[in-house]
Amino acid sequence: MMRIVQILNNNVALVSLGDRKQAIVMGKGVYFKKKMGDSMSSKKIEKIFYLESKESQDNLSYLLKDIPLDIVTTTFEIIDNAKEKYQFSVLDYIYITLSDHIYGAYQIFEAGKYKASLVPDMHEQYPVEYQIAKDALKIINKNLHIRLPDSEMQNIALHFINAKGTSTKVDDVGQKNREDANSVVQAVFKQHHIIRTEKNRNFYDRLMIHMQYLMDRIDNQETGNTNFMTQLKDELMENYPKSAEIAEAIFVELERRLNLKLSNNEKMYFVIHIQRLINEKSKN
């Protein structure tokens, strides 16, 4: 039997499924005059998003502090579609990074300041991720009543490219790697006068979260088409030399300190996001 843990509005609630399992459940007016602890019928349920791990439950709490509910539920719908339609496994951090990205894109679009993606088109190398992104764009435009351009698929696809994998419990070594990685990034940023501000916090936090989870899956990185990724990395380094310099400094230090080898895919991701931080800094 489902019991209400938290009512988010008349149509959406967090429910307990028993055995410490939770889900977000949606249905028109289904929670009107309900309260925490009440049981509920499944008859009026229209959508259900399962929180399959403690980490995904914690992520939901984190998201609801700063991101509107319709953005959060849209993100869950996109990720559920990827899992169910394409059997695509993702790391839990994508709930945070993708929600944050969609919210940022929505705000920029509504302000009339939306710009084309910095992400290169990689649909031939990652056809599944791009099909997921195509579906995602339709879901976003429908749920949020906007019309983001098709180039937004490249941004969304990159989230799924980088979050592909299966979450595992973080042990003491993994936690130490996370802490070391964060300290490396912050030290290099400090050298280049990049600090977290109210204006850049979305880009900054997204990058730091990605770095934490990179450490968890470092042994299972997918290199894809190595020649292609090398070419893309080289193009980005040529187009964004300052961001490439900072990214290279981070990765050299990470490889030295943690005795690991990082893929060009990851380097490309960092160049793109560091460039966004630099762009935001230049506006100040």
Protein backbone atom coordinates (compact mmCIF):
# COMPACT_ATOMS: atom_id res chain seq x y z
CA MET A 1 0.00 0.00 0.00
CA MET A 2 1.25 3.49 -0.87
CA ARG A 3 1.44 6.08 1.90
CA ILE A 4 2.06 9.78 1.43
CA VAL A 5 5.47 10.98 2.63
CA GLN A 6 5.29 14.54 1.30
CA ILE A 7 2.60 16.37 -0.67
CA LEU A 8 4.26 18.59 -3.27
CA ASN A 9 0.99 19.99 -4.63
CA ASN A 10 -2.55 18.74 -5.31
CA ASN A 11 -1.28 16.68 -8.23
CA VAL A 12 2.13 15.42 -7.09
CA ALA A 13 3.42 13.69 -3.97
CA LEU A 14 6.31 11.65 -2.68
CA VAL A 15 5.01 8.28 -1.48
CA SER A 16 6.37 5.29 0.38
CA LEU A 17 6.02 1.92 -1.31
CA GLY A 18 7.24 -0.08 1.68
CA ASP A 19 10.62 -1.72 2.25
CA ARG A 20 12.25 1.76 2.22
CA LYS A 21 11.26 2.32 -1.42
CA GLN A 22 9.81 5.62 -2.58
CA ALA A 23 8.34 7.15 -5.73
CA ILE A 24 7.00 10.40 -7.10
CA VAL A 25 3.34 9.87 -8.00
CA MET A 26 1.28 12.21 -10.17
CA GLY A 27 -2.46 12.43 -10.77
CA LYS A 28 -4.88 15.30 -11.30
CA GLY A 29 -6.23 16.46 -7.95
CA VAL A 30 -5.36 13.13 -6.36
CA TYR A 31 -3.92 14.71 -3.18
CA PHE A 32 -6.64 17.27 -2.55
CA LYS A 33 -7.58 17.16 1.16
CA LYS A 34 -4.92 14.48 1.78
CA LYS A 35 -2.21 14.70 4.41
CA MET A 36 1.13 13.09 5.21
CA GLY A 37 0.73 9.45 6.28
CA ASP A 38 -2.56 8.91 4.44
CA SER A 39 -2.86 5.86 2.23
CA MET A 40 -3.83 6.33 -1.39
CA SER A 41 -5.45 4.43 -4.19
CA SER A 42 -3.70 3.71 -7.46
CA LYS A 43 -6.85 4.41 -9.49
CA LYS A 44 -6.11 8.11 -10.08
CA ILE A 45 -2.39 7.72 -10.70
CA GLU A 46 -1.30 9.04 -14.10
CA LYS A 47 2.49 8.82 -13.76
CA ILE A 48 4.87 7.24 -11.27
CA PHE A 49 8.62 7.79 -11.06
CA TYR A 50 10.49 5.29 -8.91
CA LEU A 51 13.35 6.43 -6.69
CA GLU A 52 15.43 3.31 -6.94
CA SER A 53 18.21 4.20 -4.50
CA LYS A 54 18.84 6.22 -1.36
CA GLU A 55 20.95 8.55 -3.48
CA SER A 56 18.07 9.29 -5.86
CA GLN A 57 15.86 10.05 -2.84
CA ASP A 58 18.49 12.46 -1.49
CA ASN A 59 18.83 14.03 -4.93
CA LEU A 60 15.11 14.75 -5.01
CA SER A 61 15.31 16.61 -1.71
CA TYR A 62 18.25 18.61 -3.04
CA LEU A 63 16.43 19.50 -6.25
CA LEU A 64 13.20 20.62 -4.63
CA LYS A 65 15.07 23.30 -2.64
CA ASP A 66 16.05 25.34 -5.71
CA ILE A 67 14.29 24.00 -8.82
CA PRO A 68 10.56 24.27 -9.65
CA LEU A 69 8.54 21.10 -9.37
CA ASP A 70 7.55 21.02 -13.05
CA ILE A 71 11.23 21.05 -14.02
CA VAL A 72 11.99 18.20 -11.60
CA THR A 73 9.11 16.02 -12.77
CA THR A 74 10.00 16.72 -16.41
CA THR A 75 13.54 15.52 -15.70
CA PHE A 76 12.24 12.35 -14.06
CA GLU A 77 9.99 11.70 -17.05
CA ILE A 78 12.94 12.08 -19.45
CA ILE A 79 15.14 9.71 -17.45
CA ASP A 80 12.36 7.17 -17.03
CA ASN A 81 11.79 7.25 -20.78
CA ALA A 82 15.49 6.55 -21.36
CA LYS A 83 15.41 3.61 -18.95
CA GLU A 84 12.17 2.05 -20.13
CA LYS A 85 12.21 2.74 -23.87
CA TYR A 86 15.94 2.32 -24.51
CA GLN A 87 17.05 0.20 -21.50
CA PHE A 88 19.63 2.93 -20.88
CA SER A 89 21.26 2.82 -17.43
CA VAL A 90 22.38 6.11 -15.89
CA LEU A 91 24.22 7.24 -12.80
CA ASP A 92 22.01 8.98 -10.26
CA TYR A 93 23.77 12.32 -10.53
CA ILE A 94 22.02 12.97 -13.86
CA TYR A 95 18.87 13.83 -11.91
CA ILE A 96 20.69 16.86 -10.51
CA THR A 97 22.71 17.91 -13.55
CA LEU A 98 19.89 17.48 -16.06
CA SER A 99 17.32 19.24 -13.85
CA ASP A 100 19.72 22.10 -13.36
CA HIS A 101 20.45 22.29 -17.08
CA ILE A 102 16.78 22.25 -18.10
CA TYR A 103 15.97 24.96 -15.57
CA GLY A 104 18.83 27.10 -16.83
CA ALA A 105 17.85 26.60 -20.47
CA TYR A 106 14.23 27.45 -19.63
CA GLN A 107 15.21 30.67 -17.86
CA ILE A 108 17.55 31.75 -20.67
CA PHE A 109 14.93 30.96 -23.32
CA GLU A 110 12.21 32.89 -21.48
CA ALA A 111 14.58 35.87 -21.16
CA GLY A 112 15.20 35.79 -24.92
CA LYS A 113 18.92 35.11 -24.45
CA TYR A 114 19.16 31.51 -25.63
CA LYS A 115 22.30 30.76 -27.67
CA ALA A 116 23.28 27.78 -29.81
CA SER A 117 24.96 24.87 -28.03
CA LEU A 118 28.75 24.74 -27.66
CA VAL A 119 28.51 20.94 -27.87
CA PRO A 120 29.57 19.42 -31.22
CA ASP A 121 27.07 17.22 -33.06
CA MET A 122 27.91 13.60 -32.19
CA HIS A 123 24.71 11.84 -33.26
CA GLU A 124 26.53 9.37 -35.53
CA GLN A 125 28.79 8.27 -32.68
CA TYR A 126 26.04 8.20 -30.04
CA PRO A 127 22.75 7.39 -31.82
CA VAL A 128 20.91 6.09 -28.74
CA GLU A 129 21.84 9.08 -26.61
CA TYR A 130 20.68 11.41 -29.36
CA GLN A 131 17.38 9.60 -29.76
CA ILE A 132 16.88 9.92 -26.00
CA ALA A 133 17.65 13.63 -26.33
CA LYS A 134 15.18 13.97 -29.20
CA ASP A 135 12.45 12.46 -27.04
CA ALA A 136 13.57 14.66 -24.15
CA LEU A 137 13.23 17.84 -26.18
CA LYS A 138 9.64 16.92 -27.05
CA ILE A 139 8.88 16.26 -23.37
CA ILE A 140 10.44 19.58 -22.30
CA ASN A 141 8.61 21.62 -24.90
CA LYS A 142 5.29 19.94 -24.11
CA ASN A 143 5.54 20.06 -20.31
CA LEU A 144 7.03 23.55 -19.99
CA HIS A 145 5.10 25.14 -22.89
CA ILE A 146 8.19 26.43 -24.66
CA ARG A 147 9.95 25.60 -27.93
CA LEU A 148 13.67 25.09 -27.48
CA PRO A 149 15.54 24.74 -30.80
CA ASP A 150 16.74 21.36 -32.07
CA SER A 151 20.34 22.27 -31.19
CA GLU A 152 19.38 21.77 -27.54
CA MET A 153 19.43 18.01 -28.23
CA GLN A 154 23.23 18.21 -28.30
CA ASN A 155 23.32 19.53 -24.72
CA ILE A 156 20.88 16.91 -23.48
CA ALA A 157 22.65 14.07 -25.28
CA LEU A 158 25.93 15.01 -23.60
CA HIS A 159 24.32 14.55 -20.19
CA PHE A 160 23.35 10.99 -21.10
CA ILE A 161 26.73 10.26 -22.72
CA ASN A 162 28.52 11.25 -19.55
CA ALA A 163 26.06 9.72 -17.09
CA LYS A 164 25.87 6.29 -18.71
CA GLY A 165 26.52 3.51 -16.23
CA THR A 166 25.23 1.79 -13.12
CA SER A 167 25.48 3.43 -9.71
CA THR A 168 27.49 1.66 -7.05
CA LYS A 169 27.94 2.33 -3.37
CA VAL A 170 30.79 4.73 -2.65
CA ASP A 171 33.44 3.11 -0.42
CA ASP A 172 36.15 4.86 1.62
CA VAL A 173 38.56 4.86 -1.33
CA GLY A 174 35.90 6.30 -3.62
CA GLN A 175 35.06 9.03 -1.11
CA LYS A 176 38.76 9.91 -0.80
CA ASN A 177 39.02 10.12 -4.60
CA ARG A 178 36.00 12.43 -4.69
CA GLU A 179 37.59 14.73 -2.12
CA ASP A 180 40.95 14.73 -3.89
CA ALA A 181 39.31 15.46 -7.24
CA ASN A 182 37.33 18.37 -5.84
CA SER A 183 40.43 19.86 -4.22
CA VAL A 184 42.32 19.59 -7.53
CA VAL A 185 39.57 21.39 -9.45
CA GLN A 186 39.23 24.14 -6.86
CA ALA A 187 43.01 24.66 -6.69
CA VAL A 188 43.34 25.02 -10.47
CA PHE A 189 40.30 27.30 -10.62
CA LYS A 190 41.81 29.49 -7.92
CA GLN A 191 44.99 29.86 -9.97
CA HIS A 192 42.87 31.14 -12.86
CA HIS A 193 40.70 33.39 -10.66
CA ILE A 194 37.54 31.33 -11.15
CA ILE A 195 35.36 31.31 -8.05
CA ARG A 196 31.79 30.25 -7.35
CA THR A 197 29.37 33.18 -7.49
CA GLU A 198 25.62 33.58 -7.42
CA LYS A 199 25.59 34.04 -11.19
CA ASN A 200 27.78 31.07 -12.12
CA ARG A 201 26.74 28.66 -9.37
CA ASN A 202 24.67 26.44 -11.68
CA PHE A 203 27.59 25.81 -14.04
CA TYR A 204 30.08 25.56 -11.17
CA ASP A 205 28.02 23.11 -9.10
CA ARG A 206 27.17 20.97 -12.12
CA LEU A 207 30.85 20.58 -12.93
CA MET A 208 31.74 19.68 -9.33
CA ILE A 209 28.96 17.10 -9.12
CA HIS A 210 30.09 15.57 -12.39
CA MET A 211 33.64 15.38 -11.07
CA GLN A 212 32.51 13.47 -7.97
CA TYR A 213 30.74 10.83 -10.01
CA LEU A 214 33.56 10.62 -12.53
CA MET A 215 35.70 9.28 -9.71
CA ASP A 216 33.12 6.58 -8.97
CA ARG A 217 33.06 5.22 -12.52
CA ILE A 218 36.64 5.81 -13.56
CA ASP A 219 37.31 2.12 -14.23
CA ASN A 220 34.31 1.87 -16.57
CA GLN A 221 34.79 4.87 -18.82
CA GLU A 222 33.56 4.44 -22.36
CA THR A 223 36.04 5.77 -24.85
CA GLY A 224 33.78 5.35 -27.92
CA ASN A 225 35.42 6.29 -31.21
CA THR A 226 38.87 7.27 -29.93
CA ASN A 227 39.97 9.05 -33.12
CA PHE A 228 36.73 10.98 -33.31
CA MET A 229 36.87 12.06 -29.66
CA THR A 230 40.50 13.12 -30.06
CA GLN A 231 39.52 15.23 -33.07
CA LEU A 232 36.69 16.88 -31.16
CA LYS A 233 38.93 17.59 -28.19
CA ASP A 234 41.54 19.16 -30.49
CA GLU A 235 38.88 21.33 -32.13
CA LEU A 236 37.63 22.55 -28.78
CA MET A 237 41.18 23.27 -27.62
CA GLU A 238 41.71 25.38 -30.72
CA ASN A 239 38.40 27.25 -30.38
CA TYR A 240 38.57 27.74 -26.60
CA PRO A 241 42.29 27.83 -25.70
CA LYS A 242 41.87 29.28 -22.19
CA SER A 243 39.26 26.69 -21.19
CA ALA A 244 41.40 23.95 -22.73
CA GLU A 245 44.42 25.14 -20.75
CA ILE A 246 42.48 24.99 -17.48
CA ALA A 247 40.94 21.59 -18.29
CA GLU A 248 44.35 20.18 -19.22
CA ALA A 249 45.85 21.43 -15.95
CA ILE A 250 43.04 19.74 -13.99
CA PHE A 251 43.41 16.45 -15.80
CA VAL A 252 47.22 16.34 -15.59
CA GLU A 253 47.00 16.82 -11.83
CA LEU A 254 44.19 14.28 -11.45
CA GLU A 255 46.10 11.66 -13.43
CA ARG A 256 49.23 12.33 -11.39
CA ARG A 257 47.61 12.37 -7.96
CA LEU A 258 45.16 9.49 -8.46
CA ASN A 259 47.24 7.37 -10.85
CA LEU A 260 44.56 7.10 -13.52
CA LYS A 261 43.99 7.82 -17.20
CA LEU A 262 41.06 9.98 -18.28
CA SER A 263 39.33 9.81 -21.64
CA ASN A 264 39.11 12.52 -24.27
CA ASN A 265 35.35 12.37 -23.77
CA GLU A 266 35.78 13.64 -20.22
CA LYS A 267 38.28 16.29 -21.30
CA MET A 268 35.83 17.56 -23.90
CA TYR A 269 33.10 17.81 -21.28
CA PHE A 270 35.33 19.86 -19.00
CA VAL A 271 36.40 22.26 -21.77
CA ILE A 272 32.75 22.97 -22.57
CA HIS A 273 31.74 23.61 -18.97
CA ILE A 274 34.81 25.65 -18.11
CA GLN A 275 34.05 27.80 -21.16
CA ARG A 276 30.58 28.40 -19.76
CA LEU A 277 32.12 29.50 -16.47
CA ILE A 278 34.46 31.86 -18.31
CA ASN A 279 31.58 33.26 -20.36
CA GLU A 280 29.61 33.90 -17.17
CA LYS A 281 32.62 35.53 -15.53
CA SER A 282 33.08 37.90 -18.49
CA LYS A 283 29.54 39.23 -17.96
CA ASN A 284 30.36 40.47 -14.45
